[in-house]
Amino acid sequence: MSSSRIPQTMISADSSEKELPRTKVKSIESPCKYIFWGKIVTWKTMWDTLFSSLSRGDNNCNFFPLRKNKEGPLGKARSRKMSMLGSPSIGSSAVKTNNHYAFEKIFKPVYFLGAVLGMSPYNVTDGELVLSKLKATLSMTLVVFNVVLTVLYFQSFADNFDIDFAKADTIKFLTIFRDLGGTTIMAITLMFSYVNSKHMLREVGLIYQVDSELMKLNFENDLEESERKIKKQLAILLVVLNFVFNVVGEVGSAMVRTNHRILYLLVNIYPRLVITLLNLTLYSIFTVIQTRFEMINVAIYQKVVKSNVVRKYPNELDFSDQITQLVSIHKILVTVSRNINSIFSFQILLCITVNFVLLIGDLHTSMYIIFFRIFTKHYKIVLDMIKNCITYGFDLFYLARRTSELCNEANRTKVVLLGIKIDVDKENERNTVIVSALKLIQNKLEITACRLFNIDNALLFSICGAASSYLFIMLQLDIGNRGQSNSTTTESSYATVL
């Protein structure tokens, strides 16, 4: 989001008494489909269902088919959350209905790749997710086929290596761990994606409602700009991660093998593509939420700037309502972030664990080959492991960066809010700011891996420290073992001479 795009006026939902004319929403012409957490969703169907109800002021439209009740698809929970905004319903005629920033544009590249990989066993019928037997069969076939190839690969595993130095067993272990880890994470990730798809769509629905509130605050242009920015970032990541790291990288790893290169490539490339695609979905969702936090901070910062210029600020009659509304939107975004974190939490934990183990193992083996002067003979192995280390390091770095920036932006709101200078005579407004700041302090956002540890920049520091310690200890053991082996050989030769 561009920070230069600051709305000129802060429009509160309660301050506008004049009702704007109802705007007829045009139906989306192309049935653009969208993949979210492994599911295909036809946005044309869902948008038609949503706005046909919203245009007549019905808040109980069946947008997300989670459970059939009279309260609507999100039940009473959604009504309570949106009632905190202190504004008319999203379906009121005062809400603009321009949806050029809709998510189907952002995630369109993800849908196409997900369809190719067979990650979408669902159709949308009458606004509800329906399991497609054909697509489910395709997904199961690809998973079973990959598992069978993995079994065949390990049956001929002894023929895949021709390594004659001390770290041959370590390299074999890393290869087994990498192959089994990739297949296991792929299967678990797909299973969780099928189970949690409806929960994921529910959270997306809350983001849409937050967007409607932000549009009433004149952030429509910023939403469109963030759409273009996120779409561009996603396209770049798809090219870098899936094409460069996964396709080209795995082809290079297959060339290092002496036998069964095609089998190795088929075993490893499909899990990598699936895992990377779902990780990109998580990264993009966090980026979308982060831009919403940025808009809230921009709206509050505008008041900070105005309070430094205007005497006896605030001079707006609806100042307290505006602050309360922004804090309520912030609370909903924090809740959505935590729910999405819980959906992806186990996948995140598995990916971090596997990447860390493989990073340590590949670095150790590469350093062993270099330090003991056998690089010339085994340079292909070193280059392959360096490529793997770059991939693992990038995955860990980008995950920590995305979550850290999201949490920093969410937790920065209270600091920006306390920067507003309130006149001493404005007691009610000052109390509103203080109470809102206390609420934000108590509602701190943290992204975790199954609540075991936080995922932020401190995690990267811990990984670097642990990796350095492990590598130092293992190299010391290698040097000691090598010295002991040389000493034993010398003594045996001396005894033979005698």
Protein backbone atom coordinates (compact mmCIF):
# COMPACT_ATOMS: atom_id res chain seq x y z
CA MET A 1 0.00 0.00 0.00
CA SER A 2 1.28 3.43 -0.79
CA SER A 3 1.48 5.56 2.30
CA SER A 4 1.02 8.67 0.18
CA ARG A 5 -2.56 7.75 -0.50
CA ILE A 6 -4.10 9.20 2.64
CA PRO A 7 -7.86 9.68 2.63
CA GLN A 8 -8.87 13.30 2.82
CA THR A 9 -11.85 12.73 5.06
CA MET A 10 -12.70 10.20 7.70
CA ILE A 11 -16.27 9.16 7.08
CA SER A 12 -17.99 7.43 9.95
CA ALA A 13 -20.87 5.14 9.28
CA ASP A 14 -22.86 6.82 12.04
CA SER A 15 -22.12 10.36 10.88
CA SER A 16 -23.70 9.99 7.48
CA GLU A 17 -27.43 10.44 7.83
CA LYS A 18 -28.13 10.76 4.14
CA GLU A 19 -28.56 7.41 2.49
CA LEU A 20 -26.83 7.01 -0.84
CA PRO A 21 -28.78 5.56 -3.77
CA ARG A 22 -28.60 1.84 -4.18
CA THR A 23 -26.09 0.68 -6.74
CA LYS A 24 -26.84 -2.32 -8.86
CA VAL A 25 -23.97 -4.76 -8.86
CA LYS A 26 -23.06 -6.19 -12.22
CA SER A 27 -22.57 -9.90 -12.31
CA ILE A 28 -19.09 -11.13 -13.02
CA GLU A 29 -19.07 -12.17 -16.63
CA SER A 30 -16.50 -14.96 -16.56
CA PRO A 31 -16.86 -17.79 -14.06
CA CYS A 32 -13.44 -17.06 -12.55
CA LYS A 33 -12.44 -19.85 -10.24
CA TYR A 34 -10.23 -19.51 -7.22
CA ILE A 35 -8.15 -21.91 -5.16
CA PHE A 36 -7.94 -21.32 -1.45
CA TRP A 37 -6.19 -23.80 0.82
CA GLY A 38 -6.49 -26.44 -1.85
CA LYS A 39 -10.09 -25.78 -2.94
CA ILE A 40 -11.67 -24.49 -6.14
CA VAL A 41 -14.30 -21.85 -5.59
CA THR A 42 -16.30 -20.27 -8.39
CA TRP A 43 -16.42 -16.63 -7.38
CA LYS A 44 -19.16 -15.83 -9.86
CA THR A 45 -21.50 -18.17 -7.99
CA MET A 46 -20.52 -16.89 -4.57
CA TRP A 47 -20.58 -13.22 -5.51
CA ASP A 48 -23.99 -13.58 -7.14
CA THR A 49 -25.26 -15.33 -4.00
CA LEU A 50 -23.71 -12.73 -1.72
CA PHE A 51 -24.73 -9.53 -3.44
CA SER A 52 -28.20 -10.68 -4.41
CA SER A 53 -28.82 -10.79 -0.66
CA LEU A 54 -26.77 -7.72 0.21
CA SER A 55 -28.56 -5.57 -2.37
CA ARG A 56 -31.79 -6.08 -0.48
CA GLY A 57 -30.17 -5.59 2.94
CA ASP A 58 -30.17 -9.24 3.97
CA ASN A 59 -27.28 -10.03 6.31
CA ASN A 60 -28.17 -13.71 6.53
CA CYS A 61 -27.21 -14.64 3.00
CA ASN A 62 -25.76 -18.12 2.60
CA PHE A 63 -22.35 -16.99 1.35
CA PHE A 64 -20.27 -19.70 3.00
CA PRO A 65 -22.04 -23.05 3.41
CA LEU A 66 -20.66 -23.96 6.81
CA ARG A 67 -23.84 -24.88 8.57
CA LYS A 68 -27.44 -24.41 7.65
CA ASN A 69 -29.25 -22.26 10.18
CA LYS A 70 -31.36 -19.18 10.32
CA GLU A 71 -28.44 -17.06 11.47
CA GLY A 72 -26.61 -17.41 8.17
CA PRO A 73 -23.43 -19.24 7.22
CA LEU A 74 -21.27 -17.61 9.89
CA GLY A 75 -23.90 -17.80 12.60
CA LYS A 76 -24.04 -15.50 15.57
CA ALA A 77 -20.26 -15.16 15.76
CA ARG A 78 -20.07 -13.12 12.58
CA SER A 79 -22.99 -10.93 13.64
CA ARG A 80 -21.29 -10.18 16.95
CA LYS A 81 -18.00 -9.35 15.27
CA MET A 82 -19.52 -7.02 12.71
CA SER A 83 -21.81 -5.38 15.25
CA MET A 84 -18.68 -4.11 17.00
CA LEU A 85 -18.02 -1.86 14.02
CA GLY A 86 -20.82 0.42 15.13
CA SER A 87 -22.02 0.91 11.59
CA PRO A 88 -24.85 -0.14 9.30
CA SER A 89 -24.81 -3.59 7.84
CA ILE A 90 -22.55 -4.41 4.96
CA GLY A 91 -25.57 -4.78 2.78
CA SER A 92 -26.79 -1.25 3.33
CA SER A 93 -27.02 1.03 0.37
CA ALA A 94 -24.39 3.33 1.88
CA VAL A 95 -21.68 0.84 0.99
CA LYS A 96 -19.93 1.14 -2.33
CA THR A 97 -20.05 -2.05 -4.33
CA ASN A 98 -16.86 -1.71 -6.37
CA ASN A 99 -14.98 -5.00 -6.14
CA HIS A 100 -12.09 -4.49 -8.55
CA TYR A 101 -9.71 -5.60 -5.81
CA ALA A 102 -11.44 -8.98 -5.33
CA PHE A 103 -9.33 -11.96 -4.37
CA GLU A 104 -10.09 -13.95 -7.51
CA LYS A 105 -7.75 -11.63 -9.39
CA ILE A 106 -4.96 -12.01 -6.87
CA PHE A 107 -5.04 -15.80 -6.66
CA LYS A 108 -5.79 -16.57 -10.28
CA PRO A 109 -2.23 -17.90 -10.96
CA VAL A 110 -2.50 -20.14 -7.91
CA TYR A 111 -5.74 -21.62 -9.19
CA PHE A 112 -4.26 -22.65 -12.53
CA LEU A 113 -1.26 -24.36 -10.97
CA GLY A 114 -3.46 -26.00 -8.34
CA ALA A 115 -5.75 -27.35 -11.05
CA VAL A 116 -2.77 -28.84 -12.88
CA LEU A 117 -1.50 -30.49 -9.69
CA GLY A 118 -4.92 -31.97 -8.88
CA MET A 119 -5.24 -30.08 -5.60
CA SER A 120 -8.89 -29.09 -6.04
CA PRO A 121 -11.39 -31.94 -5.64
CA TYR A 122 -14.38 -29.59 -5.25
CA ASN A 123 -17.00 -27.91 -7.38
CA VAL A 124 -19.36 -25.11 -6.37
CA THR A 125 -23.06 -25.90 -6.76
CA ASP A 126 -25.66 -23.34 -5.68
CA GLY A 127 -23.03 -21.53 -3.62
CA GLU A 128 -21.93 -24.65 -1.74
CA LEU A 129 -18.75 -26.69 -1.91
CA VAL A 130 -19.53 -30.10 -3.39
CA LEU A 131 -17.00 -32.89 -3.67
CA SER A 132 -16.34 -33.78 -7.30
CA LYS A 133 -15.80 -37.50 -7.77
CA LEU A 134 -13.73 -36.93 -10.89
CA LYS A 135 -11.44 -34.34 -9.31
CA ALA A 136 -11.20 -36.29 -6.06
CA THR A 137 -10.19 -39.37 -8.04
CA LEU A 138 -7.53 -37.34 -9.83
CA SER A 139 -6.16 -35.99 -6.54
CA MET A 140 -6.06 -39.42 -4.91
CA THR A 141 -4.46 -40.92 -8.01
CA LEU A 142 -1.65 -38.38 -7.99
CA VAL A 143 -0.99 -38.87 -4.28
CA VAL A 144 -1.04 -42.68 -4.50
CA PHE A 145 1.12 -42.57 -7.61
CA ASN A 146 3.69 -40.45 -5.81
CA VAL A 147 3.71 -42.80 -2.81
CA VAL A 148 4.18 -45.84 -5.07
CA LEU A 149 7.06 -44.13 -6.86
CA THR A 150 8.63 -43.34 -3.49
CA VAL A 151 8.46 -47.01 -2.47
CA LEU A 152 9.99 -48.10 -5.79
CA TYR A 153 12.71 -45.50 -5.41
CA PHE A 154 13.76 -46.75 -1.99
CA GLN A 155 13.77 -50.36 -3.16
CA SER A 156 16.54 -49.43 -5.59
CA PHE A 157 18.09 -46.91 -3.22
CA ALA A 158 21.44 -48.71 -2.95
CA ASP A 159 22.07 -48.21 -6.67
CA ASN A 160 21.56 -44.45 -6.54
CA PHE A 161 24.85 -43.56 -4.86
CA ASP A 162 28.46 -44.17 -5.70
CA ILE A 163 30.12 -42.38 -2.79
CA ASP A 164 33.41 -43.56 -1.35
CA PHE A 165 34.09 -41.19 1.53
CA ALA A 166 33.19 -41.11 5.20
CA LYS A 167 29.98 -39.07 4.82
CA ALA A 168 28.26 -41.51 2.48
CA ASP A 169 25.94 -42.69 5.26
CA THR A 170 25.09 -39.11 6.19
CA ILE A 171 24.20 -38.24 2.60
CA LYS A 172 22.04 -41.34 2.32
CA PHE A 173 20.22 -40.43 5.54
CA LEU A 174 19.61 -36.88 4.31
CA THR A 175 18.27 -38.18 1.01
CA ILE A 176 15.90 -40.59 2.76
CA PHE A 177 14.77 -37.88 5.19
CA ARG A 178 14.26 -35.40 2.35
CA ASP A 179 12.23 -37.78 0.20
CA LEU A 180 10.12 -39.20 3.02
CA GLY A 181 9.70 -35.76 4.59
CA GLY A 182 8.49 -34.22 1.34
CA THR A 183 5.99 -37.01 0.67
CA THR A 184 4.75 -36.98 4.27
CA ILE A 185 4.28 -33.20 4.41
CA MET A 186 2.52 -33.30 1.04
CA ALA A 187 0.02 -35.94 2.20
CA ILE A 188 -0.64 -34.24 5.55
CA THR A 189 -0.93 -30.82 3.94
CA LEU A 190 -3.47 -32.01 1.39
CA MET A 191 -5.47 -33.77 4.10
CA PHE A 192 -5.57 -30.64 6.26
CA SER A 193 -6.46 -28.49 3.27
CA TYR A 194 -9.49 -30.63 2.46
CA VAL A 195 -10.65 -30.61 6.09
CA ASN A 196 -10.13 -26.88 6.72
CA SER A 197 -11.28 -25.45 3.40
CA LYS A 198 -14.64 -24.22 4.69
CA HIS A 199 -13.03 -22.67 7.76
CA MET A 200 -10.62 -20.87 5.47
CA LEU A 201 -13.46 -19.51 3.35
CA ARG A 202 -15.18 -18.27 6.48
CA GLU A 203 -12.14 -16.18 7.39
CA VAL A 204 -11.97 -14.83 3.84
CA GLY A 205 -15.58 -13.74 4.23
CA LEU A 206 -14.65 -11.68 7.28
CA ILE A 207 -11.83 -10.03 5.32
CA TYR A 208 -14.36 -9.07 2.64
CA GLN A 209 -16.57 -7.46 5.25
CA VAL A 210 -13.60 -5.55 6.65
CA ASP A 211 -12.85 -4.35 3.12
CA SER A 212 -16.37 -2.99 2.87
CA GLU A 213 -15.81 -0.97 6.04
CA LEU A 214 -12.48 0.32 4.71
CA MET A 215 -14.17 1.37 1.48
CA LYS A 216 -16.47 3.58 3.52
CA LEU A 217 -13.32 5.25 4.86
CA ASN A 218 -12.21 6.12 1.31
CA PHE A 219 -9.60 3.37 1.02
CA GLU A 220 -10.95 1.97 -2.24
CA ASN A 221 -7.95 3.15 -4.27
CA ASP A 222 -5.57 1.70 -1.70
CA LEU A 223 -7.34 -1.64 -1.88
CA GLU A 224 -6.96 -1.67 -5.64
CA GLU A 225 -3.29 -0.76 -5.36
CA SER A 226 -2.67 -3.49 -2.79
CA GLU A 227 -4.35 -5.98 -5.14
CA ARG A 228 -1.91 -5.13 -7.91
CA LYS A 229 1.06 -5.26 -5.56
CA ILE A 230 0.15 -8.63 -4.04
CA LYS A 231 -0.64 -10.13 -7.43
CA LYS A 232 2.77 -9.04 -8.72
CA GLN A 233 4.54 -10.45 -5.66
CA LEU A 234 2.69 -13.75 -5.99
CA ALA A 235 3.60 -14.06 -9.67
CA ILE A 236 7.29 -13.43 -8.89
CA LEU A 237 7.28 -15.98 -6.08
CA LEU A 238 5.61 -18.56 -8.31
CA VAL A 239 8.37 -18.14 -10.89
CA VAL A 240 11.25 -18.07 -8.39
CA LEU A 241 10.10 -20.85 -6.08
CA ASN A 242 8.24 -23.24 -8.36
CA PHE A 243 10.23 -22.85 -11.56
CA VAL A 244 13.75 -21.93 -10.39
CA PHE A 245 14.00 -23.69 -7.03
CA ASN A 246 11.66 -26.63 -7.61
CA VAL A 247 11.72 -27.51 -11.31
CA VAL A 248 15.24 -26.42 -12.29
CA GLY A 249 16.65 -27.27 -8.86
CA GLU A 250 15.23 -30.78 -8.76
CA VAL A 251 16.38 -31.44 -12.33
CA GLY A 252 19.88 -30.46 -11.24
CA SER A 253 19.66 -32.75 -8.21
CA ALA A 254 18.55 -35.62 -10.43
CA MET A 255 21.59 -35.11 -12.67
CA VAL A 256 23.89 -35.69 -9.68
CA ARG A 257 22.50 -39.21 -9.26
CA THR A 258 24.18 -42.00 -11.17
CA ASN A 259 21.03 -44.11 -11.61
CA HIS A 260 17.23 -43.75 -11.63
CA ARG A 261 17.31 -40.01 -12.35
CA ILE A 262 13.79 -39.86 -13.75
CA LEU A 263 12.42 -41.80 -10.79
CA TYR A 264 14.13 -39.45 -8.35
CA LEU A 265 12.75 -36.42 -10.18
CA LEU A 266 9.17 -37.75 -10.13
CA VAL A 267 9.40 -38.63 -6.45
CA ASN A 268 10.62 -35.20 -5.35
CA ILE A 269 9.18 -32.60 -7.71
CA TYR A 270 5.44 -33.16 -7.08
CA PRO A 271 5.61 -32.83 -3.26
CA ARG A 272 7.76 -29.73 -3.59
CA LEU A 273 5.29 -28.08 -5.96
CA VAL A 274 2.31 -28.87 -3.70
CA ILE A 275 4.00 -27.68 -0.51
CA THR A 276 5.29 -24.51 -2.15
CA LEU A 277 1.88 -23.66 -3.60
CA LEU A 278 0.15 -23.96 -0.25
CA ASN A 279 2.92 -21.97 1.43
CA LEU A 280 2.42 -19.23 -1.14
CA THR A 281 -1.27 -19.19 -0.28
CA LEU A 282 -0.36 -18.59 3.37
CA TYR A 283 2.14 -15.86 2.48
CA SER A 284 -0.39 -14.08 0.27
CA ILE A 285 -3.14 -14.23 2.89
CA PHE A 286 -0.81 -12.72 5.48
CA THR A 287 0.15 -9.99 3.02
CA VAL A 288 -3.53 -9.21 2.35
CA ILE A 289 -4.22 -8.86 6.08
CA GLN A 290 -1.07 -6.80 6.57
CA THR A 291 -2.22 -4.25 3.99
CA ARG A 292 -5.50 -3.87 5.92
CA PHE A 293 -3.58 -3.14 9.10
CA GLU A 294 -1.54 -0.57 7.17
CA MET A 295 -4.72 1.19 6.08
CA ILE A 296 -5.93 1.37 9.67
CA ASN A 297 -2.60 2.83 10.75
CA VAL A 298 -2.72 5.38 7.92
CA ALA A 299 -6.21 6.46 9.00
CA ILE A 300 -5.04 6.92 12.59
CA TYR A 301 -1.79 8.60 11.56
CA GLN A 302 -3.79 11.15 9.61
CA LYS A 303 -5.38 12.14 12.90
CA VAL A 304 -1.93 12.35 14.50
CA VAL A 305 -0.82 14.82 11.82
CA LYS A 306 -4.01 16.82 12.14
CA SER A 307 -3.71 16.96 15.94
CA ASN A 308 -0.29 18.62 15.59
CA VAL A 309 -1.74 21.38 13.39
CA VAL A 310 -5.26 22.05 14.66
CA ARG A 311 -5.74 23.73 18.02
CA LYS A 312 -8.09 22.12 20.51
CA TYR A 313 -8.14 18.88 18.60
CA PRO A 314 -10.32 16.93 17.99
CA ASN A 315 -12.89 19.22 16.47
CA GLU A 316 -14.82 16.35 14.86
CA LEU A 317 -18.10 15.43 16.47
CA ASP A 318 -17.74 11.77 15.56
CA PHE A 319 -14.07 11.39 16.60
CA SER A 320 -14.82 8.76 19.25
CA ASP A 321 -17.00 6.77 16.86
CA GLN A 322 -14.26 6.77 14.24
CA ILE A 323 -11.62 5.53 16.70
CA THR A 324 -13.96 2.86 18.03
CA GLN A 325 -14.74 1.69 14.52
CA LEU A 326 -11.07 1.44 13.53
CA VAL A 327 -10.19 -0.47 16.70
CA SER A 328 -13.08 -2.86 16.09
CA ILE A 329 -11.88 -3.53 12.54
CA HIS A 330 -8.39 -4.09 13.95
CA LYS A 331 -9.75 -6.63 16.44
CA ILE A 332 -11.49 -8.58 13.68
CA LEU A 333 -8.31 -8.69 11.60
CA VAL A 334 -6.33 -9.96 14.58
CA THR A 335 -8.91 -12.69 15.13
CA VAL A 336 -8.80 -13.67 11.45
CA SER A 337 -4.99 -13.80 11.57
CA ARG A 338 -5.05 -16.11 14.58
CA ASN A 339 -7.63 -18.39 13.00
CA ILE A 340 -5.62 -18.66 9.78
CA ASN A 341 -2.51 -19.32 11.85
CA SER A 342 -4.29 -22.21 13.57
CA ILE A 343 -5.35 -23.64 10.21
CA PHE A 344 -1.79 -23.65 8.85
CA SER A 345 -0.06 -24.23 12.18
CA PHE A 346 0.78 -27.93 11.86
CA GLN A 347 1.98 -27.50 8.29
CA ILE A 348 4.24 -24.65 9.41
CA LEU A 349 5.71 -26.76 12.21
CA LEU A 350 6.48 -29.66 9.87
CA CYS A 351 8.07 -27.42 7.24
CA ILE A 352 10.27 -25.61 9.76
CA THR A 353 11.41 -28.90 11.34
CA VAL A 354 12.23 -30.63 8.06
CA ASN A 355 13.96 -27.57 6.60
CA PHE A 356 16.07 -27.11 9.74
CA VAL A 357 17.24 -30.74 9.86
CA LEU A 358 18.08 -30.80 6.15
CA LEU A 359 19.82 -27.42 6.37
CA ILE A 360 22.12 -28.64 9.16
CA GLY A 361 22.83 -31.94 7.42
CA ASP A 362 23.63 -30.45 4.02
CA LEU A 363 25.82 -27.71 5.49
CA HIS A 364 27.73 -30.26 7.58
CA THR A 365 28.39 -32.56 4.63
CA SER A 366 29.42 -29.70 2.36
CA MET A 367 31.85 -28.32 4.92
CA TYR A 368 33.29 -31.79 5.49
CA ILE A 369 34.02 -32.22 1.79
CA ILE A 370 35.61 -28.77 1.55
CA PHE A 371 37.67 -28.93 4.75
CA PHE A 372 39.10 -32.38 4.10
CA ARG A 373 40.14 -31.50 0.54
CA ILE A 374 37.97 -33.85 -1.47
CA PHE A 375 35.99 -31.10 -3.19
CA THR A 376 37.48 -31.76 -6.62
CA LYS A 377 36.21 -35.32 -6.62
CA HIS A 378 32.76 -34.59 -5.17
CA TYR A 379 32.05 -31.05 -6.33
CA LYS A 380 28.67 -32.05 -7.83
CA ILE A 381 27.45 -33.19 -4.42
CA VAL A 382 28.59 -29.92 -2.83
CA LEU A 383 26.87 -27.80 -5.48
CA ASP A 384 23.66 -29.79 -5.08
CA MET A 385 23.72 -29.37 -1.31
CA ILE A 386 24.45 -25.65 -1.56
CA LYS A 387 21.41 -25.35 -3.83
CA ASN A 388 19.33 -27.21 -1.23
CA CYS A 389 20.60 -24.97 1.57
CA ILE A 390 19.61 -21.87 -0.40
CA THR A 391 16.11 -23.31 -0.86
CA TYR A 392 15.69 -24.21 2.83
CA GLY A 393 17.12 -20.88 3.96
CA PHE A 394 14.81 -18.92 1.67
CA ASP A 395 11.75 -20.84 2.92
CA LEU A 396 12.63 -20.12 6.55
CA PHE A 397 13.57 -16.50 5.88
CA TYR A 398 10.47 -15.60 3.87
CA LEU A 399 8.10 -17.27 6.32
CA ALA A 400 9.67 -15.39 9.24
CA ARG A 401 9.64 -12.14 7.27
CA ARG A 402 5.97 -12.37 6.30
CA THR A 403 4.80 -13.22 9.82
CA SER A 404 7.10 -10.66 11.43
CA GLU A 405 5.89 -7.83 9.19
CA LEU A 406 2.27 -8.82 9.79
CA CYS A 407 2.68 -8.82 13.57
CA ASN A 408 4.70 -5.59 13.57
CA GLU A 409 2.05 -3.77 11.55
CA ALA A 410 -0.76 -5.09 13.75
CA ASN A 411 1.02 -4.27 17.01
CA ARG A 412 2.13 -0.81 15.78
CA THR A 413 -1.43 0.51 15.82
CA LYS A 414 -1.43 1.23 19.54
CA VAL A 415 1.76 3.30 19.20
CA VAL A 416 0.26 5.35 16.37
CA LEU A 417 -2.96 5.81 18.32
CA LEU A 418 -1.17 7.17 21.37
CA GLY A 419 0.49 9.79 19.16
CA ILE A 420 -2.78 11.74 18.84
CA LYS A 421 -2.65 14.97 20.86
CA ILE A 422 -5.97 15.50 22.61
CA ASP A 423 -6.89 18.89 24.04
CA VAL A 424 -7.24 18.95 27.83
CA ASP A 425 -10.88 19.98 27.51
CA LYS A 426 -11.76 16.92 25.39
CA GLU A 427 -12.16 14.42 28.20
CA ASN A 428 -14.46 11.98 26.40
CA GLU A 429 -12.21 11.79 23.35
CA ARG A 430 -9.13 11.31 25.53
CA ASN A 431 -10.80 8.48 27.41
CA THR A 432 -11.74 6.85 24.11
CA VAL A 433 -8.12 6.91 22.96
CA ILE A 434 -6.85 5.51 26.27
CA VAL A 435 -9.41 2.71 26.39
CA SER A 436 -8.78 1.83 22.75
CA ALA A 437 -5.01 1.72 23.33
CA LEU A 438 -5.49 -0.59 26.31
CA LYS A 439 -7.61 -2.90 24.18
CA LEU A 440 -4.90 -3.01 21.52
CA ILE A 441 -2.22 -3.73 24.11
CA GLN A 442 -4.21 -6.68 25.43
CA ASN A 443 -4.87 -7.98 21.91
CA LYS A 444 -1.28 -8.47 20.74
CA LEU A 445 -0.87 -10.54 17.58
CA GLU A 446 1.67 -13.39 17.49
CA ILE A 447 2.05 -16.07 14.83
CA THR A 448 3.18 -19.42 16.25
CA ALA A 449 3.85 -22.98 15.19
CA CYS A 450 1.32 -25.01 17.18
CA ARG A 451 1.96 -22.55 20.05
CA LEU A 452 5.43 -24.04 20.57
CA PHE A 453 7.39 -20.97 19.46
CA ASN A 454 6.79 -17.64 17.75
CA ILE A 455 7.61 -17.26 14.08
CA ASP A 456 9.46 -13.97 13.70
CA ASN A 457 12.94 -12.57 13.21
CA ALA A 458 13.99 -14.00 16.56
CA LEU A 459 13.35 -17.47 15.14
CA LEU A 460 15.88 -16.80 12.36
CA PHE A 461 18.43 -15.70 14.94
CA SER A 462 17.81 -18.88 16.95
CA ILE A 463 18.16 -21.04 13.83
CA CYS A 464 21.46 -19.38 12.90
CA GLY A 465 22.79 -19.82 16.44
CA ALA A 466 21.72 -23.45 16.66
CA ALA A 467 23.09 -24.24 13.19
CA SER A 468 26.47 -22.70 14.04
CA SER A 469 26.69 -24.65 17.30
CA TYR A 470 25.75 -27.97 15.71
CA LEU A 471 28.15 -27.50 12.80
CA PHE A 472 31.03 -26.61 15.10
CA ILE A 473 30.44 -29.65 17.31
CA MET A 474 30.06 -32.06 14.39
CA LEU A 475 33.18 -30.77 12.64
CA GLN A 476 35.16 -31.13 15.85
CA LEU A 477 34.00 -34.74 16.12
CA ASP A 478 34.95 -35.35 12.48
CA ILE A 479 38.42 -33.92 13.04
CA GLY A 480 38.86 -36.03 16.17
CA ASN A 481 37.68 -39.21 14.46
CA ARG A 482 39.88 -38.55 11.46
CA GLY A 483 42.91 -37.93 13.68
CA GLN A 484 42.21 -41.07 15.67
CA SER A 485 41.84 -43.08 12.46
CA ASN A 486 45.15 -41.76 11.11
CA SER A 487 46.87 -42.54 14.41
CA THR A 488 45.54 -46.10 14.40
CA THR A 489 46.69 -46.59 10.81
CA THR A 490 50.18 -45.30 11.65
CA GLU A 491 50.49 -47.59 14.67
CA SER A 492 49.38 -50.59 12.63
CA SER A 493 51.94 -49.81 9.93
CA TYR A 494 54.68 -49.39 12.55
CA ALA A 495 53.78 -52.71 14.17
CA THR A 496 53.87 -54.40 10.77
CA VAL A 497 57.34 -53.04 10.07
CA LEU A 498 58.57 -54.32 13.41
